[in-house]
N, C-alpha and C. Protein backbone atom coordinates (compact mmCIF):
# COMPACT_ATOMS: atom_id res chain seq x y z
N MET A 1 121.65 209.57 266.49
CA MET A 1 120.39 209.40 265.79
C MET A 1 119.30 209.07 266.80
N GLU A 2 118.20 209.80 266.73
CA GLU A 2 117.10 209.61 267.68
C GLU A 2 116.21 208.45 267.23
N GLU A 3 115.85 207.60 268.19
CA GLU A 3 115.01 206.44 267.93
C GLU A 3 113.54 206.86 267.82
N ASP A 4 112.84 206.36 266.82
CA ASP A 4 111.42 206.61 266.65
C ASP A 4 110.66 205.96 267.82
N PRO A 5 109.74 206.69 268.48
CA PRO A 5 109.01 206.13 269.63
C PRO A 5 108.25 204.85 269.28
N ASP A 6 107.67 204.78 268.09
CA ASP A 6 106.95 203.58 267.69
C ASP A 6 107.90 202.40 267.51
N THR A 7 109.06 202.66 266.94
CA THR A 7 110.05 201.61 266.77
C THR A 7 110.48 201.07 268.12
N TYR A 8 110.70 201.97 269.08
CA TYR A 8 111.06 201.55 270.43
C TYR A 8 109.96 200.69 271.04
N ARG A 9 108.70 201.11 270.90
CA ARG A 9 107.58 200.33 271.46
C ARG A 9 107.48 198.96 270.81
N ILE A 10 107.71 198.90 269.50
CA ILE A 10 107.68 197.61 268.80
C ILE A 10 108.77 196.69 269.34
N LEU A 11 109.98 197.22 269.47
CA LEU A 11 111.08 196.41 270.00
C LEU A 11 110.81 195.96 271.44
N LYS A 12 110.25 196.85 272.24
CA LYS A 12 109.92 196.52 273.63
C LYS A 12 108.87 195.42 273.70
N LEU A 13 107.84 195.52 272.88
CA LEU A 13 106.80 194.49 272.86
C LEU A 13 107.37 193.14 272.41
N ARG A 14 108.23 193.16 271.41
CA ARG A 14 108.85 191.91 270.95
C ARG A 14 109.68 191.27 272.06
N ALA A 15 110.40 192.08 272.81
CA ALA A 15 111.20 191.56 273.93
C ALA A 15 110.30 190.97 275.01
N GLU A 16 109.20 191.66 275.31
CA GLU A 16 108.26 191.16 276.32
C GLU A 16 107.63 189.84 275.88
N ILE A 17 107.32 189.72 274.60
CA ILE A 17 106.75 188.48 274.07
C ILE A 17 107.75 187.34 274.18
N LEU A 18 109.01 187.62 273.88
CA LEU A 18 110.04 186.59 274.03
C LEU A 18 110.17 186.13 275.48
N GLU A 19 110.13 187.07 276.40
CA GLU A 19 110.22 186.72 277.83
C GLU A 19 109.02 185.89 278.26
N LEU A 20 107.83 186.29 277.81
CA LEU A 20 106.63 185.54 278.16
C LEU A 20 106.68 184.13 277.58
N GLY A 21 107.16 184.00 276.36
CA GLY A 21 107.29 182.68 275.75
C GLY A 21 108.20 181.78 276.58
N SER A 22 109.28 182.35 277.05
CA SER A 22 110.20 181.60 277.91
C SER A 22 109.54 181.20 279.22
N ALA A 23 108.79 182.13 279.81
CA ALA A 23 108.10 181.84 281.07
C ALA A 23 107.05 180.74 280.87
N ILE A 24 106.35 180.79 279.75
CA ILE A 24 105.33 179.77 279.46
C ILE A 24 105.97 178.39 279.32
N ARG A 25 107.08 178.32 278.59
CA ARG A 25 107.78 177.04 278.45
C ARG A 25 108.23 176.50 279.80
N GLN A 26 108.72 177.39 280.65
CA GLN A 26 109.16 176.96 281.98
C GLN A 26 107.99 176.46 282.81
N LEU A 27 106.88 177.17 282.78
CA LEU A 27 105.68 176.73 283.50
C LEU A 27 105.21 175.37 282.99
N GLN A 28 105.22 175.18 281.69
CA GLN A 28 104.79 173.91 281.10
C GLN A 28 105.72 172.78 281.51
N ARG A 29 107.03 173.03 281.53
CA ARG A 29 107.99 172.01 281.94
C ARG A 29 107.74 171.58 283.38
N GLU A 30 107.35 172.53 284.22
CA GLU A 30 107.13 172.24 285.63
C GLU A 30 105.70 171.76 285.90
N GLY A 31 104.90 171.66 284.86
CA GLY A 31 103.55 171.15 285.01
C GLY A 31 102.59 172.13 285.69
N LEU A 32 102.91 173.42 285.60
CA LEU A 32 102.08 174.43 286.25
C LEU A 32 101.13 175.08 285.24
N ASP A 33 100.11 175.73 285.78
CA ASP A 33 99.11 176.40 284.95
C ASP A 33 99.73 177.62 284.26
N ASP A 34 99.59 177.68 282.96
CA ASP A 34 100.15 178.79 282.21
C ASP A 34 99.07 179.64 281.54
N ALA A 35 97.84 179.50 281.96
CA ALA A 35 96.72 180.20 281.32
C ALA A 35 96.88 181.72 281.38
N ALA A 36 97.27 182.25 282.52
CA ALA A 36 97.42 183.71 282.66
C ALA A 36 98.53 184.21 281.74
N ALA A 37 99.63 183.48 281.67
CA ALA A 37 100.73 183.88 280.79
C ALA A 37 100.32 183.77 279.32
N GLN A 38 99.54 182.74 278.99
CA GLN A 38 99.05 182.59 277.61
C GLN A 38 98.15 183.76 277.21
N LEU A 39 97.29 184.17 278.13
CA LEU A 39 96.41 185.31 277.88
C LEU A 39 97.22 186.60 277.69
N LEU A 40 98.21 186.79 278.56
CA LEU A 40 99.04 187.99 278.47
C LEU A 40 99.83 188.03 277.16
N ILE A 41 100.38 186.89 276.76
CA ILE A 41 101.14 186.87 275.51
C ILE A 41 100.23 187.13 274.31
N ALA A 42 99.00 186.64 274.36
CA ALA A 42 98.05 186.90 273.28
C ALA A 42 97.74 188.39 273.19
N ARG A 43 97.58 189.03 274.34
CA ARG A 43 97.33 190.48 274.35
C ARG A 43 98.52 191.26 273.82
N LYS A 44 99.72 190.86 274.23
CA LYS A 44 100.93 191.54 273.76
C LYS A 44 101.09 191.38 272.25
N ARG A 45 100.79 190.18 271.73
CA ARG A 45 100.88 189.96 270.30
C ARG A 45 99.88 190.83 269.54
N ALA A 46 98.68 190.97 270.10
CA ALA A 46 97.66 191.82 269.48
C ALA A 46 98.11 193.28 269.49
N GLN A 47 98.69 193.72 270.61
CA GLN A 47 99.21 195.09 270.69
C GLN A 47 100.30 195.32 269.64
N LEU A 48 101.20 194.35 269.53
CA LEU A 48 102.29 194.45 268.57
C LEU A 48 101.74 194.51 267.15
N ASP A 49 100.80 193.62 266.83
CA ASP A 49 100.21 193.60 265.50
C ASP A 49 99.55 194.94 265.17
N HIS A 50 98.81 195.47 266.11
CA HIS A 50 98.14 196.76 265.92
C HIS A 50 99.16 197.89 265.71
N LEU A 51 100.17 197.93 266.56
CA LEU A 51 101.18 198.98 266.47
C LEU A 51 101.93 198.92 265.14
N VAL A 52 102.27 197.71 264.70
CA VAL A 52 102.97 197.56 263.42
C VAL A 52 102.09 198.05 262.27
N LYS A 53 100.80 197.68 262.30
CA LYS A 53 99.90 198.11 261.23
C LYS A 53 99.72 199.63 261.22
N VAL A 54 99.52 200.22 262.39
CA VAL A 54 99.32 201.66 262.49
C VAL A 54 100.58 202.40 262.04
N THR A 55 101.72 201.93 262.48
CA THR A 55 102.99 202.56 262.12
C THR A 55 103.25 202.44 260.63
N SER A 56 102.99 201.27 260.06
CA SER A 56 103.19 201.08 258.62
C SER A 56 102.26 201.98 257.82
N ALA A 57 101.01 202.06 258.25
CA ALA A 57 100.05 202.91 257.55
C ALA A 57 100.46 204.38 257.63
N ALA A 58 100.89 204.81 258.80
CA ALA A 58 101.31 206.21 258.98
C ALA A 58 102.53 206.52 258.12
N ARG A 59 103.47 205.61 258.07
CA ARG A 59 104.66 205.83 257.25
C ARG A 59 104.32 205.83 255.77
N GLY A 60 103.36 204.98 255.39
CA GLY A 60 102.93 204.93 254.00
C GLY A 60 102.28 206.22 253.55
N LEU A 61 101.64 206.90 254.50
CA LEU A 61 101.00 208.19 254.21
C LEU A 61 101.93 209.36 254.42
N GLY A 62 103.12 209.07 254.92
CA GLY A 62 104.08 210.14 255.20
C GLY A 62 103.73 210.92 256.45
N VAL A 63 102.97 210.30 257.35
CA VAL A 63 102.57 210.96 258.59
C VAL A 63 103.60 210.67 259.66
N GLN A 64 104.01 211.67 260.39
CA GLN A 64 104.97 211.54 261.47
C GLN A 64 104.20 211.38 262.78
N ARG A 65 104.30 210.21 263.43
CA ARG A 65 103.61 209.96 264.70
C ARG A 65 104.53 210.29 265.86
N SER A 66 103.95 210.78 266.95
CA SER A 66 104.77 211.06 268.13
C SER A 66 104.12 210.55 269.38
């Protein structure tokens, strides 16, 4: 069964967000600046939110995205 490209991107973004969350916690434990990681995770979350909305809308309309 072939994986939908949007589904793959969603899973990839979720994995990246989990990794960034872990990195942020580690930086905080060590008392280091985590501002850059916080900004990156916010951007990744926005990308994920957008992709989920676009994918849901396309599927609701029966549109096949590639």
